[in-house]
Amino acid sequence: MSRVGKEPIKIPVGVKVNVGKAADKNQVRAEKSGQKGSVNIPEGIKVEVKESQIQVIRDNNSGKLKSLHGLIRSLLANLVNGLDKAFSKELQIVGRGKRAKLKGNILELELGFSHSIKFPIPEDIEIEMPENNIIKVSGFDKQQVGEVAAEIRDLQPPEPYKGAGIRYKDERVRKKAGKTAIGGGFTGSGQ
C-alpha cells in the first residue's frame, strides 16, 4: 500500500469537505470563508470523510491506481491545508534600476526594457510587496501559487554574470567568470 496514500488527512477547524458527483466525475469540494476548491477523483479511488479526517482508498493494487493513490491524497491535503493557511512564495528583484509596484490588481515591473511590464494578478492569488525588491505571492492553491511565481520569474530570470533579474528568495545563482578572468588574453597595455 502507498505510504503517502494510506495516511489520513486531518481536516482543520472551519474547513467544510463534501464528496459528491459533478459532471459525471467524482469530486471532492472544500471551502472556508468564501474560498472554494475541488479535486477530481479518478475511477478506482474512493474518498471517505469520517469525523474530522479524510481517508483515500484504492480499489485494487494495479500499478496505475498505486501511483494515483498517493497523488490524490497529496492534492487533497494541499487543498485542505491551503484553505486553512495560505501557501506563499517570495521572489526577489536584483539589479540596478529594476523595481516593481502594485496598481490595483496589476503588478507593474520595470526590468530595464524600454517599457514597463504589466502582469495581471489572477483572481485567487494575492500579491504583496513587503519591501521594494520583494514580491510575495500567496493563495490557497499550491499549484497556482507556484505557477504565478514561475511566470513572474520568467519575465527576467537571473543572468549568470552579475545575478541581476528576478529570483526566488532562497535561490542561489551560480555566477560565471567573465572574460577578464580567463588568462592569456588581452592585457590592456596598448601594444
N, C-alpha and C. Protein backbone atom coordinates (compact mmCIF):
# COMPACT_ATOMS: atom_id res chain seq x y z
N MET A 1 0.84 -1.18 0.00
CA MET A 1 0.00 0.00 0.00
C MET A 1 0.88 1.24 0.00
N SER A 2 0.42 2.29 -0.62
CA SER A 2 1.18 3.53 -0.71
C SER A 2 1.38 4.13 0.68
N ARG A 3 2.61 4.50 0.98
CA ARG A 3 2.89 5.09 2.29
C ARG A 3 2.22 6.46 2.43
N VAL A 4 2.24 7.22 1.35
CA VAL A 4 1.62 8.55 1.39
C VAL A 4 0.10 8.40 1.35
N GLY A 5 -0.41 7.54 0.48
CA GLY A 5 -1.84 7.42 0.26
C GLY A 5 -2.62 6.90 1.44
N LYS A 6 -2.01 6.06 2.28
CA LYS A 6 -2.78 5.46 3.37
C LYS A 6 -2.89 6.36 4.60
N GLU A 7 -2.12 7.45 4.65
CA GLU A 7 -2.20 8.35 5.80
C GLU A 7 -3.48 9.19 5.73
N PRO A 8 -4.22 9.29 6.82
CA PRO A 8 -5.43 10.13 6.81
C PRO A 8 -5.06 11.61 6.81
N ILE A 9 -5.95 12.42 6.27
CA ILE A 9 -5.76 13.87 6.22
C ILE A 9 -6.64 14.48 7.30
N LYS A 10 -6.03 15.24 8.19
CA LYS A 10 -6.79 15.90 9.26
C LYS A 10 -7.42 17.16 8.68
N ILE A 11 -8.72 17.31 8.89
CA ILE A 11 -9.44 18.49 8.39
C ILE A 11 -9.34 19.59 9.44
N PRO A 12 -8.75 20.75 9.08
CA PRO A 12 -8.65 21.86 10.03
C PRO A 12 -10.02 22.42 10.40
N VAL A 13 -10.08 23.10 11.53
CA VAL A 13 -11.33 23.69 12.02
C VAL A 13 -11.80 24.77 11.05
N GLY A 14 -13.07 24.72 10.70
CA GLY A 14 -13.66 25.73 9.82
C GLY A 14 -13.68 25.35 8.34
N VAL A 15 -13.01 24.27 7.96
CA VAL A 15 -13.00 23.83 6.57
C VAL A 15 -14.09 22.79 6.38
N LYS A 16 -14.96 23.00 5.39
CA LYS A 16 -16.04 22.06 5.09
C LYS A 16 -15.63 21.23 3.88
N VAL A 17 -15.77 19.91 3.98
CA VAL A 17 -15.40 19.00 2.89
C VAL A 17 -16.62 18.20 2.48
N ASN A 18 -16.90 18.16 1.15
CA ASN A 18 -18.02 17.39 0.61
C ASN A 18 -17.52 16.48 -0.49
N VAL A 19 -17.97 15.23 -0.48
CA VAL A 19 -17.66 14.28 -1.54
C VAL A 19 -18.93 14.09 -2.35
N GLY A 20 -18.84 14.25 -3.66
CA GLY A 20 -20.03 14.11 -4.48
C GLY A 20 -19.69 13.97 -5.94
N LYS A 21 -20.72 14.07 -6.77
CA LYS A 21 -20.54 13.97 -8.22
C LYS A 21 -20.74 15.34 -8.84
N ALA A 22 -19.91 15.61 -9.85
CA ALA A 22 -20.04 16.84 -10.63
C ALA A 22 -19.61 16.54 -12.06
N ALA A 23 -20.52 16.70 -13.02
CA ALA A 23 -20.25 16.46 -14.44
C ALA A 23 -19.72 15.05 -14.68
N ASP A 24 -20.41 14.06 -14.17
CA ASP A 24 -20.06 12.64 -14.36
C ASP A 24 -18.71 12.26 -13.78
N LYS A 25 -18.18 13.04 -12.86
CA LYS A 25 -16.91 12.71 -12.21
C LYS A 25 -17.10 12.78 -10.72
N ASN A 26 -16.41 11.90 -10.01
CA ASN A 26 -16.38 12.04 -8.56
C ASN A 26 -15.52 13.23 -8.23
N GLN A 27 -15.94 14.00 -7.26
CA GLN A 27 -15.23 15.22 -6.94
C GLN A 27 -15.28 15.48 -5.45
N VAL A 28 -14.19 15.97 -4.90
CA VAL A 28 -14.15 16.39 -3.51
C VAL A 28 -14.04 17.90 -3.51
N ARG A 29 -14.99 18.56 -2.85
CA ARG A 29 -15.01 20.01 -2.77
C ARG A 29 -14.76 20.43 -1.32
N ALA A 30 -13.97 21.48 -1.17
CA ALA A 30 -13.70 22.03 0.16
C ALA A 30 -13.86 23.53 0.11
N GLU A 31 -14.31 24.10 1.22
CA GLU A 31 -14.47 25.55 1.27
C GLU A 31 -14.28 26.07 2.69
N LYS A 32 -13.85 27.33 2.74
CA LYS A 32 -13.70 28.01 4.02
C LYS A 32 -13.79 29.50 3.75
N SER A 33 -14.67 30.15 4.42
CA SER A 33 -14.88 31.60 4.36
C SER A 33 -14.85 32.16 2.93
N GLY A 34 -15.67 31.57 2.05
CA GLY A 34 -15.81 32.08 0.70
C GLY A 34 -14.83 31.54 -0.32
N GLN A 35 -13.75 30.94 0.12
CA GLN A 35 -12.79 30.35 -0.82
C GLN A 35 -13.15 28.90 -1.05
N LYS A 36 -13.16 28.49 -2.33
CA LYS A 36 -13.57 27.13 -2.67
C LYS A 36 -12.53 26.50 -3.58
N GLY A 37 -12.39 25.20 -3.44
CA GLY A 37 -11.51 24.44 -4.31
C GLY A 37 -12.04 23.03 -4.46
N SER A 38 -11.59 22.33 -5.50
CA SER A 38 -12.05 20.96 -5.70
C SER A 38 -10.96 20.13 -6.34
N VAL A 39 -11.08 18.80 -6.16
CA VAL A 39 -10.16 17.83 -6.75
C VAL A 39 -11.01 16.75 -7.39
N ASN A 40 -10.76 16.46 -8.67
CA ASN A 40 -11.46 15.37 -9.35
C ASN A 40 -10.83 14.04 -8.95
N ILE A 41 -11.67 13.06 -8.65
CA ILE A 41 -11.21 11.75 -8.20
C ILE A 41 -11.38 10.75 -9.34
N PRO A 42 -10.30 10.07 -9.78
CA PRO A 42 -10.42 9.10 -10.87
C PRO A 42 -11.13 7.83 -10.41
N GLU A 43 -11.60 7.04 -11.40
CA GLU A 43 -12.25 5.78 -11.07
C GLU A 43 -11.25 4.84 -10.43
N GLY A 44 -11.72 4.09 -9.44
CA GLY A 44 -10.85 3.17 -8.72
C GLY A 44 -10.33 3.73 -7.42
N ILE A 45 -10.53 5.01 -7.20
CA ILE A 45 -10.12 5.66 -5.95
C ILE A 45 -11.39 6.14 -5.25
N LYS A 46 -11.49 5.86 -3.95
CA LYS A 46 -12.64 6.33 -3.16
C LYS A 46 -12.12 7.25 -2.06
N VAL A 47 -12.94 8.23 -1.73
CA VAL A 47 -12.62 9.16 -0.65
C VAL A 47 -13.72 9.10 0.37
N GLU A 48 -13.35 8.88 1.64
CA GLU A 48 -14.31 8.85 2.74
C GLU A 48 -13.98 9.95 3.74
N VAL A 49 -15.02 10.64 4.18
CA VAL A 49 -14.86 11.67 5.20
C VAL A 49 -15.51 11.15 6.47
N LYS A 50 -14.70 10.93 7.50
CA LYS A 50 -15.20 10.45 8.79
C LYS A 50 -14.71 11.40 9.87
N GLU A 51 -15.65 11.87 10.68
CA GLU A 51 -15.36 12.81 11.77
C GLU A 51 -14.57 13.99 11.23
N SER A 52 -13.32 14.13 11.59
CA SER A 52 -12.52 15.27 11.10
C SER A 52 -11.33 14.78 10.30
N GLN A 53 -11.51 13.68 9.55
CA GLN A 53 -10.43 13.12 8.74
C GLN A 53 -10.93 12.70 7.37
N ILE A 54 -10.01 12.77 6.39
CA ILE A 54 -10.29 12.28 5.04
C ILE A 54 -9.40 11.07 4.83
N GLN A 55 -9.99 9.99 4.33
CA GLN A 55 -9.24 8.77 4.04
C GLN A 55 -9.38 8.48 2.54
N VAL A 56 -8.25 8.22 1.88
CA VAL A 56 -8.23 7.89 0.46
C VAL A 56 -7.98 6.39 0.33
N ILE A 57 -8.87 5.69 -0.41
CA ILE A 57 -8.80 4.22 -0.53
C ILE A 57 -8.81 3.86 -2.01
N ARG A 58 -7.96 2.90 -2.40
CA ARG A 58 -7.98 2.43 -3.79
C ARG A 58 -8.65 1.07 -3.86
N ASP A 59 -9.25 0.76 -5.03
CA ASP A 59 -9.99 -0.49 -5.20
C ASP A 59 -9.09 -1.71 -5.31
N ASN A 60 -7.99 -1.60 -6.07
CA ASN A 60 -7.10 -2.76 -6.25
C ASN A 60 -5.64 -2.31 -6.27
N ASN A 61 -4.75 -3.24 -6.50
CA ASN A 61 -3.32 -2.94 -6.45
C ASN A 61 -2.68 -2.82 -7.82
N SER A 62 -3.41 -2.36 -8.81
CA SER A 62 -2.82 -2.16 -10.13
C SER A 62 -1.80 -1.02 -10.07
N GLY A 63 -0.84 -1.03 -10.97
CA GLY A 63 0.21 -0.02 -10.96
C GLY A 63 -0.30 1.40 -11.10
N LYS A 64 -1.32 1.55 -11.97
CA LYS A 64 -1.87 2.89 -12.20
C LYS A 64 -2.54 3.42 -10.93
N LEU A 65 -3.33 2.58 -10.27
CA LEU A 65 -4.02 3.03 -9.06
C LEU A 65 -3.05 3.27 -7.90
N LYS A 66 -1.96 2.49 -7.86
CA LYS A 66 -0.97 2.72 -6.81
C LYS A 66 -0.36 4.11 -6.94
N SER A 67 -0.05 4.50 -8.18
CA SER A 67 0.55 5.83 -8.38
C SER A 67 -0.47 6.95 -8.13
N LEU A 68 -1.72 6.74 -8.51
CA LEU A 68 -2.75 7.75 -8.29
C LEU A 68 -3.14 7.89 -6.82
N HIS A 69 -2.99 6.82 -6.06
CA HIS A 69 -3.38 6.82 -4.65
C HIS A 69 -2.64 7.93 -3.87
N GLY A 70 -1.33 7.95 -3.97
CA GLY A 70 -0.54 8.96 -3.26
C GLY A 70 -0.75 10.35 -3.83
N LEU A 71 -0.91 10.44 -5.15
CA LEU A 71 -1.12 11.73 -5.79
C LEU A 71 -2.42 12.38 -5.32
N ILE A 72 -3.52 11.63 -5.34
CA ILE A 72 -4.82 12.18 -4.93
C ILE A 72 -4.78 12.59 -3.46
N ARG A 73 -4.14 11.78 -2.63
CA ARG A 73 -4.03 12.13 -1.21
C ARG A 73 -3.26 13.43 -1.03
N SER A 74 -2.16 13.62 -1.79
CA SER A 74 -1.38 14.86 -1.70
C SER A 74 -2.17 16.06 -2.19
N LEU A 75 -2.90 15.90 -3.29
CA LEU A 75 -3.71 17.00 -3.80
C LEU A 75 -4.80 17.42 -2.80
N LEU A 76 -5.43 16.42 -2.17
CA LEU A 76 -6.46 16.72 -1.17
C LEU A 76 -5.85 17.41 0.06
N ALA A 77 -4.68 16.93 0.49
CA ALA A 77 -4.02 17.54 1.65
C ALA A 77 -3.64 18.99 1.35
N ASN A 78 -3.12 19.25 0.14
CA ASN A 78 -2.77 20.61 -0.24
C ASN A 78 -4.00 21.51 -0.29
N LEU A 79 -5.12 20.99 -0.80
CA LEU A 79 -6.35 21.77 -0.87
C LEU A 79 -6.85 22.14 0.52
N VAL A 80 -6.95 21.16 1.40
CA VAL A 80 -7.49 21.38 2.74
C VAL A 80 -6.56 22.28 3.56
N ASN A 81 -5.26 22.01 3.51
CA ASN A 81 -4.31 22.82 4.29
C ASN A 81 -4.16 24.22 3.72
N GLY A 82 -4.29 24.38 2.39
CA GLY A 82 -4.21 25.70 1.78
C GLY A 82 -5.38 26.59 2.14
N LEU A 83 -6.56 25.99 2.31
CA LEU A 83 -7.71 26.79 2.73
C LEU A 83 -7.55 27.25 4.18
N ASP A 84 -6.86 26.46 4.99
CA ASP A 84 -6.64 26.83 6.39
C ASP A 84 -5.53 27.87 6.51
N LYS A 85 -4.40 27.62 5.86
CA LYS A 85 -3.25 28.53 5.92
C LYS A 85 -2.69 28.65 4.51
N ALA A 86 -2.69 29.84 3.94
CA ALA A 86 -2.32 30.05 2.55
C ALA A 86 -0.86 29.66 2.28
N PHE A 87 -0.62 29.16 1.07
CA PHE A 87 0.73 28.88 0.61
C PHE A 87 1.33 30.17 0.08
N SER A 88 2.65 30.31 0.15
CA SER A 88 3.27 31.52 -0.38
C SER A 88 4.66 31.23 -0.93
N LYS A 89 5.07 32.07 -1.87
CA LYS A 89 6.41 32.05 -2.45
C LYS A 89 6.89 33.49 -2.49
N GLU A 90 8.17 33.69 -2.19
CA GLU A 90 8.72 35.03 -2.24
C GLU A 90 9.74 35.13 -3.36
N LEU A 91 9.65 36.21 -4.10
CA LEU A 91 10.58 36.50 -5.19
C LEU A 91 11.36 37.74 -4.83
N GLN A 92 12.61 37.80 -5.32
CA GLN A 92 13.46 38.94 -5.04
C GLN A 92 13.92 39.53 -6.37
N ILE A 93 13.84 40.86 -6.49
CA ILE A 93 14.31 41.55 -7.68
C ILE A 93 15.71 42.06 -7.38
N VAL A 94 16.68 41.66 -8.22
CA VAL A 94 18.07 42.04 -8.02
C VAL A 94 18.54 42.81 -9.25
N GLY A 95 19.22 43.93 -9.03
CA GLY A 95 19.79 44.68 -10.14
C GLY A 95 19.44 46.15 -10.07
N ARG A 96 20.32 46.95 -10.62
CA ARG A 96 20.14 48.40 -10.61
C ARG A 96 19.01 48.79 -11.55
N GLY A 97 18.10 49.62 -11.08
CA GLY A 97 17.01 50.13 -11.91
C GLY A 97 15.84 49.17 -12.08
N LYS A 98 15.87 48.04 -11.42
CA LYS A 98 14.78 47.07 -11.54
C LYS A 98 13.89 47.22 -10.32
N ARG A 99 12.58 47.39 -10.56
CA ARG A 99 11.66 47.55 -9.45
C ARG A 99 10.26 47.12 -9.86
N ALA A 100 9.39 47.01 -8.87
CA ALA A 100 8.00 46.61 -9.10
C ALA A 100 7.10 47.44 -8.20
N LYS A 101 5.85 47.62 -8.64
CA LYS A 101 4.85 48.28 -7.80
C LYS A 101 3.49 47.71 -8.12
N LEU A 102 2.62 47.73 -7.11
CA LEU A 102 1.25 47.24 -7.26
C LEU A 102 0.33 48.40 -7.62
N LYS A 103 -0.50 48.18 -8.65
CA LYS A 103 -1.52 49.17 -9.02
C LYS A 103 -2.82 48.41 -9.17
N GLY A 104 -3.60 48.36 -8.09
CA GLY A 104 -4.86 47.61 -8.10
C GLY A 104 -4.59 46.12 -8.22
N ASN A 105 -5.12 45.50 -9.27
CA ASN A 105 -4.87 44.07 -9.46
C ASN A 105 -3.85 43.83 -10.58
N ILE A 106 -2.92 44.78 -10.75
CA ILE A 106 -1.85 44.65 -11.75
C ILE A 106 -0.52 44.90 -11.07
N LEU A 107 0.43 44.00 -11.32
CA LEU A 107 1.80 44.16 -10.84
C LEU A 107 2.59 44.78 -11.98
N GLU A 108 3.12 45.98 -11.77
CA GLU A 108 3.87 46.67 -12.82
C GLU A 108 5.36 46.53 -12.53
N LEU A 109 6.09 45.95 -13.48
CA LEU A 109 7.51 45.67 -13.30
C LEU A 109 8.34 46.50 -14.27
N GLU A 110 9.38 47.13 -13.75
CA GLU A 110 10.35 47.83 -14.58
C GLU A 110 11.64 47.04 -14.50
N LEU A 111 11.98 46.38 -15.60
CA LEU A 111 13.10 45.44 -15.59
C LEU A 111 14.22 45.84 -16.54
N GLY A 112 14.28 47.11 -16.94
CA GLY A 112 15.34 47.57 -17.81
C GLY A 112 14.99 47.52 -19.28
N PHE A 113 13.77 47.13 -19.61
CA PHE A 113 13.33 47.17 -21.00
C PHE A 113 12.87 48.59 -21.33
N SER A 114 12.54 48.85 -22.58
CA SER A 114 12.10 50.19 -22.98
C SER A 114 10.70 50.50 -22.46
N HIS A 115 10.00 49.49 -21.97
CA HIS A 115 8.64 49.66 -21.47
C HIS A 115 8.49 48.88 -20.16
N SER A 116 7.51 49.27 -19.37
CA SER A 116 7.23 48.51 -18.15
C SER A 116 6.32 47.34 -18.50
N ILE A 117 6.42 46.27 -17.72
CA ILE A 117 5.62 45.06 -17.95
C ILE A 117 4.48 45.07 -16.96
N LYS A 118 3.25 44.92 -17.47
CA LYS A 118 2.07 44.88 -16.62
C LYS A 118 1.63 43.42 -16.50
N PHE A 119 1.70 42.87 -15.29
CA PHE A 119 1.35 41.47 -15.03
C PHE A 119 0.00 41.45 -14.30
N PRO A 120 -1.08 40.94 -14.95
CA PRO A 120 -2.38 40.88 -14.28
C PRO A 120 -2.37 39.79 -13.20
N ILE A 121 -2.88 40.12 -12.03
CA ILE A 121 -2.91 39.18 -10.91
C ILE A 121 -4.16 38.32 -11.02
N PRO A 122 -4.01 36.98 -11.04
CA PRO A 122 -5.19 36.09 -11.12
C PRO A 122 -6.12 36.27 -9.92
N GLU A 123 -7.35 35.81 -10.07
CA GLU A 123 -8.41 36.06 -9.09
C GLU A 123 -8.11 35.51 -7.69
N ASP A 124 -7.67 34.27 -7.57
CA ASP A 124 -7.47 33.65 -6.25
C ASP A 124 -6.07 33.87 -5.68
N ILE A 125 -5.28 34.74 -6.31
CA ILE A 125 -3.91 34.98 -5.88
C ILE A 125 -3.80 36.37 -5.27
N GLU A 126 -3.02 36.46 -4.21
CA GLU A 126 -2.78 37.75 -3.56
C GLU A 126 -1.28 38.05 -3.66
N ILE A 127 -0.95 39.26 -4.07
CA ILE A 127 0.46 39.66 -4.18
C ILE A 127 0.68 40.84 -3.25
N GLU A 128 1.73 40.73 -2.45
CA GLU A 128 2.12 41.79 -1.52
C GLU A 128 3.56 42.18 -1.81
N MET A 129 3.92 43.38 -1.42
CA MET A 129 5.30 43.83 -1.55
C MET A 129 5.77 44.38 -0.20
N PRO A 130 6.30 43.48 0.68
CA PRO A 130 6.75 43.96 1.99
C PRO A 130 7.95 44.91 1.90
N GLU A 131 8.75 44.78 0.85
CA GLU A 131 9.88 45.68 0.59
C GLU A 131 9.85 46.05 -0.88
N ASN A 132 10.67 47.02 -1.28
CA ASN A 132 10.67 47.46 -2.67
C ASN A 132 11.09 46.37 -3.64
N ASN A 133 11.99 45.49 -3.22
CA ASN A 133 12.51 44.48 -4.13
C ASN A 133 12.01 43.06 -3.82
N ILE A 134 11.01 42.92 -2.96
CA ILE A 134 10.46 41.61 -2.60
C ILE A 134 9.00 41.53 -3.06
N ILE A 135 8.68 40.44 -3.76
CA ILE A 135 7.30 40.18 -4.19
C ILE A 135 6.85 38.90 -3.51
N LYS A 136 5.76 38.97 -2.73
CA LYS A 136 5.23 37.80 -2.04
C LYS A 136 3.93 37.37 -2.72
N VAL A 137 3.94 36.15 -3.28
CA VAL A 137 2.78 35.59 -3.96
C VAL A 137 2.15 34.58 -3.01
N SER A 138 0.84 34.70 -2.72
CA SER A 138 0.18 33.76 -1.80
C SER A 138 -1.22 33.44 -2.28
N GLY A 139 -1.70 32.27 -1.83
CA GLY A 139 -3.03 31.81 -2.20
C GLY A 139 -3.27 30.43 -1.61
N PHE A 140 -4.51 29.93 -1.73
CA PHE A 140 -4.82 28.63 -1.13
C PHE A 140 -4.48 27.45 -2.04
N ASP A 141 -4.32 27.69 -3.35
CA ASP A 141 -3.99 26.63 -4.30
C ASP A 141 -2.48 26.60 -4.52
N LYS A 142 -1.83 25.57 -4.01
CA LYS A 142 -0.37 25.46 -4.06
C LYS A 142 0.15 25.48 -5.49
N GLN A 143 -0.54 24.77 -6.38
CA GLN A 143 -0.11 24.71 -7.77
C GLN A 143 -0.21 26.08 -8.44
N GLN A 144 -1.29 26.79 -8.21
CA GLN A 144 -1.47 28.11 -8.83
C GLN A 144 -0.45 29.11 -8.29
N VAL A 145 -0.15 29.06 -6.99
CA VAL A 145 0.85 29.95 -6.41
C VAL A 145 2.21 29.71 -7.07
N GLY A 146 2.57 28.44 -7.24
CA GLY A 146 3.84 28.11 -7.89
C GLY A 146 3.89 28.56 -9.34
N GLU A 147 2.78 28.39 -10.07
CA GLU A 147 2.72 28.80 -11.47
C GLU A 147 2.86 30.31 -11.63
N VAL A 148 2.15 31.08 -10.79
CA VAL A 148 2.22 32.54 -10.87
C VAL A 148 3.62 33.02 -10.52
N ALA A 149 4.22 32.45 -9.49
CA ALA A 149 5.59 32.83 -9.12
C ALA A 149 6.56 32.51 -10.26
N ALA A 150 6.40 31.36 -10.90
CA ALA A 150 7.27 30.98 -12.01
C ALA A 150 7.07 31.91 -13.21
N GLU A 151 5.83 32.32 -13.48
CA GLU A 151 5.57 33.24 -14.60
C GLU A 151 6.23 34.59 -14.35
N ILE A 152 6.17 35.08 -13.11
CA ILE A 152 6.82 36.36 -12.78
C ILE A 152 8.33 36.21 -12.92
N ARG A 153 8.89 35.11 -12.43
CA ARG A 153 10.34 34.87 -12.52
C ARG A 153 10.78 34.79 -13.97
N ASP A 154 9.96 34.18 -14.84
CA ASP A 154 10.31 34.01 -16.24
C ASP A 154 10.33 35.33 -17.03
N LEU A 155 9.78 36.40 -16.46
CA LEU A 155 9.83 37.69 -17.14
C LEU A 155 11.28 38.16 -17.29
N GLN A 156 12.13 37.87 -16.31
CA GLN A 156 13.57 38.12 -16.42
C GLN A 156 14.30 37.27 -15.39
N PRO A 157 14.65 36.03 -15.78
CA PRO A 157 15.37 35.15 -14.86
C PRO A 157 16.76 35.72 -14.56
N PRO A 158 17.36 35.32 -13.45
CA PRO A 158 18.68 35.86 -13.10
C PRO A 158 19.73 35.49 -14.16
N GLU A 159 20.53 36.48 -14.55
CA GLU A 159 21.58 36.20 -15.52
C GLU A 159 22.83 35.73 -14.79
N PRO A 160 23.68 34.93 -15.45
CA PRO A 160 24.76 34.25 -14.74
C PRO A 160 26.00 35.08 -14.44
N TYR A 161 26.12 36.30 -14.95
CA TYR A 161 27.35 37.06 -14.73
C TYR A 161 27.27 38.00 -13.52
N LYS A 162 26.18 38.72 -13.38
CA LYS A 162 26.02 39.60 -12.22
C LYS A 162 24.89 39.13 -11.30
N GLY A 163 24.05 38.23 -11.77
CA GLY A 163 22.94 37.72 -10.96
C GLY A 163 21.72 38.61 -10.99
N ALA A 164 21.69 39.61 -11.88
CA ALA A 164 20.56 40.53 -11.95
C ALA A 164 19.35 39.84 -12.57
N GLY A 165 18.17 40.18 -12.08
CA GLY A 165 16.93 39.61 -12.59
C GLY A 165 15.99 39.29 -11.43
N ILE A 166 15.02 38.42 -11.69
CA ILE A 166 14.06 38.02 -10.66
C ILE A 166 14.38 36.59 -10.27
N ARG A 167 14.51 36.35 -8.98
CA ARG A 167 14.80 35.01 -8.47
C ARG A 167 13.95 34.71 -7.26
N TYR A 168 13.83 33.41 -6.92
CA TYR A 168 13.17 33.04 -5.68
C TYR A 168 14.05 33.53 -4.54
N LYS A 169 13.46 33.86 -3.41
CA LYS A 169 14.21 34.47 -2.32
C LYS A 169 15.32 33.56 -1.80
N ASP A 170 15.08 32.24 -1.78
CA ASP A 170 16.09 31.32 -1.27
C ASP A 170 16.94 30.69 -2.38
N GLU A 171 16.79 31.17 -3.62
CA GLU A 171 17.51 30.60 -4.77
C GLU A 171 18.96 31.09 -4.79
N ARG A 172 19.87 30.17 -5.05
CA ARG A 172 21.28 30.53 -5.22
C ARG A 172 21.59 30.54 -6.70
N VAL A 173 22.18 31.61 -7.17
CA VAL A 173 22.54 31.74 -8.57
C VAL A 173 24.05 31.54 -8.69
N ARG A 174 24.43 30.53 -9.47
CA ARG A 174 25.86 30.29 -9.69
C ARG A 174 26.34 31.27 -10.73
N LYS A 175 27.34 32.05 -10.36
CA LYS A 175 27.85 33.07 -11.27
C LYS A 175 29.01 32.52 -12.08
N LYS A 176 29.05 32.93 -13.35
CA LYS A 176 30.14 32.54 -14.24
C LYS A 176 31.23 33.59 -14.18
N ALA A 177 32.45 33.18 -14.49
CA ALA A 177 33.55 34.13 -14.58
C ALA A 177 33.43 34.85 -15.92
N GLY A 178 33.70 36.13 -15.92
CA GLY A 178 33.64 36.90 -17.15
C GLY A 178 34.89 36.68 -17.99
N LYS A 179 35.00 37.37 -19.11
CA LYS A 179 36.14 37.20 -20.00
C LYS A 179 37.45 37.66 -19.37
N THR A 180 37.41 38.63 -18.45
CA THR A 180 38.64 39.14 -17.85
C THR A 180 39.29 38.12 -16.93
N ALA A 181 38.56 37.14 -16.47
CA ALA A 181 39.13 36.14 -15.57
C ALA A 181 39.92 35.07 -16.30
N ILE A 182 39.78 35.01 -17.64
CA ILE A 182 40.49 33.99 -18.41
C ILE A 182 41.89 34.50 -18.71
N GLY A 183 42.90 33.73 -18.37
CA GLY A 183 44.30 34.14 -18.57
C GLY A 183 44.73 34.08 -20.01
N GLY A 184 45.79 34.82 -20.37
CA GLY A 184 46.37 34.75 -21.70
C GLY A 184 45.70 35.65 -22.72
N GLY A 185 44.74 36.43 -22.31
CA GLY A 185 44.02 37.29 -23.25
C GLY A 185 44.65 38.67 -23.31
N PHE A 186 43.91 39.61 -23.77
CA PHE A 186 44.35 41.00 -23.90
C PHE A 186 44.69 41.59 -22.53
N THR A 187 45.84 42.18 -22.39
CA THR A 187 46.26 42.73 -21.09
C THR A 187 45.92 44.19 -20.95
N GLY A 188 45.67 44.87 -22.05
CA GLY A 188 45.30 46.29 -21.99
C GLY A 188 46.49 47.22 -21.94
N SER A 189 47.70 46.75 -22.29
CA SER A 189 48.88 47.61 -22.23
C SER A 189 49.03 48.49 -23.46
N GLY A 190 48.24 48.24 -24.51
CA GLY A 190 48.29 49.09 -25.70
C GLY A 190 49.32 48.64 -26.71
N GLN A 191 49.97 47.52 -26.60
CA GLN A 191 50.97 47.07 -27.56
C GLN A 191 50.48 45.97 -28.43
